[in-house]
Amino acid sequence: MTVINTSGVDLASVTVASKGQQVDLGGIINRGTKTAQLDPGEPFTIHYGDKSWTSGFNLAPAQSTIAYVTPDGKIELRSRIGGLAR
């Protein structure tokens, strides 16, 4: 699970959580990235600033997910850099 900040501002605090795990990624500067490993089997949640976003699917084993924080503050998932998740 990689979070890429394309929001236009630095994010002071980002955490990702799934299946009882919580990984504090700390701050992510604008255009910065941070990565965490999460166990498969359940949806995951990204907390950033005063917002949260939860996936609508369970993480699969060895799944690579890239979450972009967009300028409007939303999360856009992609399965690889430059491609949309399908």
Protein backbone atom coordinates (compact mmCIF):
# COMPACT_ATOMS: atom_id res chain seq x y z
CA MET A 1 0.00 0.00 0.00
CA THR A 2 1.58 3.25 -1.17
CA VAL A 3 0.13 6.70 -0.52
CA ILE A 4 1.13 9.48 -2.93
CA ASN A 5 0.30 13.04 -1.95
CA THR A 6 -0.78 15.07 -4.99
CA SER A 7 -3.08 17.34 -2.95
CA GLY A 8 -1.00 20.49 -3.38
CA VAL A 9 -0.29 20.77 0.36
CA ASP A 10 1.75 18.81 2.87
CA LEU A 11 -0.20 16.22 4.89
CA ALA A 12 0.76 16.43 8.57
CA SER A 13 -0.34 12.92 9.54
CA VAL A 14 -1.32 9.84 7.53
CA THR A 15 -2.20 6.39 8.87
CA VAL A 16 -3.37 3.22 7.14
CA ALA A 17 -5.26 0.49 8.96
CA SER A 18 -6.64 -2.97 8.23
CA LYS A 19 -7.45 -6.15 10.13
CA GLY A 20 -6.45 -4.77 13.51
CA GLN A 21 -3.21 -3.28 12.14
CA GLN A 22 -2.48 0.42 12.13
CA VAL A 23 0.61 1.88 10.46
CA ASP A 24 1.49 5.52 11.15
CA LEU A 25 3.13 6.89 8.01
CA GLY A 26 3.68 10.29 9.61
CA GLY A 27 3.60 13.40 7.44
CA ILE A 28 3.78 13.25 3.66
CA ILE A 29 5.03 16.35 1.84
CA ASN A 30 3.27 17.46 -1.34
CA ARG A 31 4.42 15.16 -4.17
CA GLY A 32 5.86 12.77 -1.55
CA THR A 33 5.16 9.07 -1.04
CA LYS A 34 5.13 6.61 1.85
CA THR A 35 4.58 2.86 1.82
CA ALA A 36 3.28 0.33 4.36
CA GLN A 37 2.64 -3.39 4.34
CA LEU A 38 -0.80 -4.58 5.46
CA ASP A 39 -2.09 -8.10 5.97
CA PRO A 40 -4.59 -9.27 3.33
CA GLY A 41 -8.18 -10.31 3.90
CA GLU A 42 -10.07 -7.17 4.88
CA PRO A 43 -10.78 -3.65 3.61
CA PHE A 44 -8.32 -0.91 4.58
CA THR A 45 -8.77 2.65 5.79
CA ILE A 46 -6.59 5.68 5.12
CA HIS A 47 -6.74 8.53 7.66
CA TYR A 48 -5.28 11.85 6.51
CA GLY A 49 -5.80 15.21 8.15
CA ASP A 50 -9.40 15.32 9.34
CA LYS A 51 -10.55 12.87 6.63
CA SER A 52 -10.86 9.11 6.35
CA TRP A 53 -11.44 6.84 3.38
CA THR A 54 -12.25 3.10 3.44
CA SER A 55 -11.80 0.74 0.51
CA GLY A 56 -14.82 -1.13 -0.79
CA PHE A 57 -12.86 -4.38 -1.21
CA ASN A 58 -10.67 -6.79 0.73
CA LEU A 59 -6.93 -6.67 0.22
CA ALA A 60 -5.72 -9.71 -1.71
CA PRO A 61 -2.44 -11.49 -0.91
CA ALA A 62 0.51 -9.69 -2.57
CA GLN A 63 -1.82 -6.97 -3.89
CA SER A 64 -0.13 -3.72 -4.80
CA THR A 65 -2.33 -0.66 -4.25
CA ILE A 66 -1.43 2.96 -4.88
CA ALA A 67 -3.64 5.62 -3.29
CA TYR A 68 -3.35 9.18 -4.57
CA VAL A 69 -4.56 12.01 -2.33
CA THR A 70 -5.97 14.41 -4.94
CA PRO A 71 -6.14 18.24 -4.91
CA ASP A 72 -9.81 18.06 -3.87
CA GLY A 73 -8.83 15.94 -0.85
CA LYS A 74 -10.21 12.65 -2.17
CA ILE A 75 -8.51 9.28 -2.61
CA GLU A 76 -8.02 7.88 -6.12
CA LEU A 77 -6.82 4.28 -6.29
CA ARG A 78 -4.58 2.86 -8.96
CA SER A 79 -3.24 -0.64 -9.30
CA ARG A 80 0.05 0.64 -10.68
CA ILE A 81 1.63 4.04 -11.23
CA GLY A 82 -0.13 5.73 -14.14
CA GLY A 83 -2.97 3.21 -14.43
CA LEU A 84 -6.45 3.22 -12.94
CA ALA A 85 -7.45 0.40 -10.58
CA ARG A 86 -9.86 -2.01 -12.21
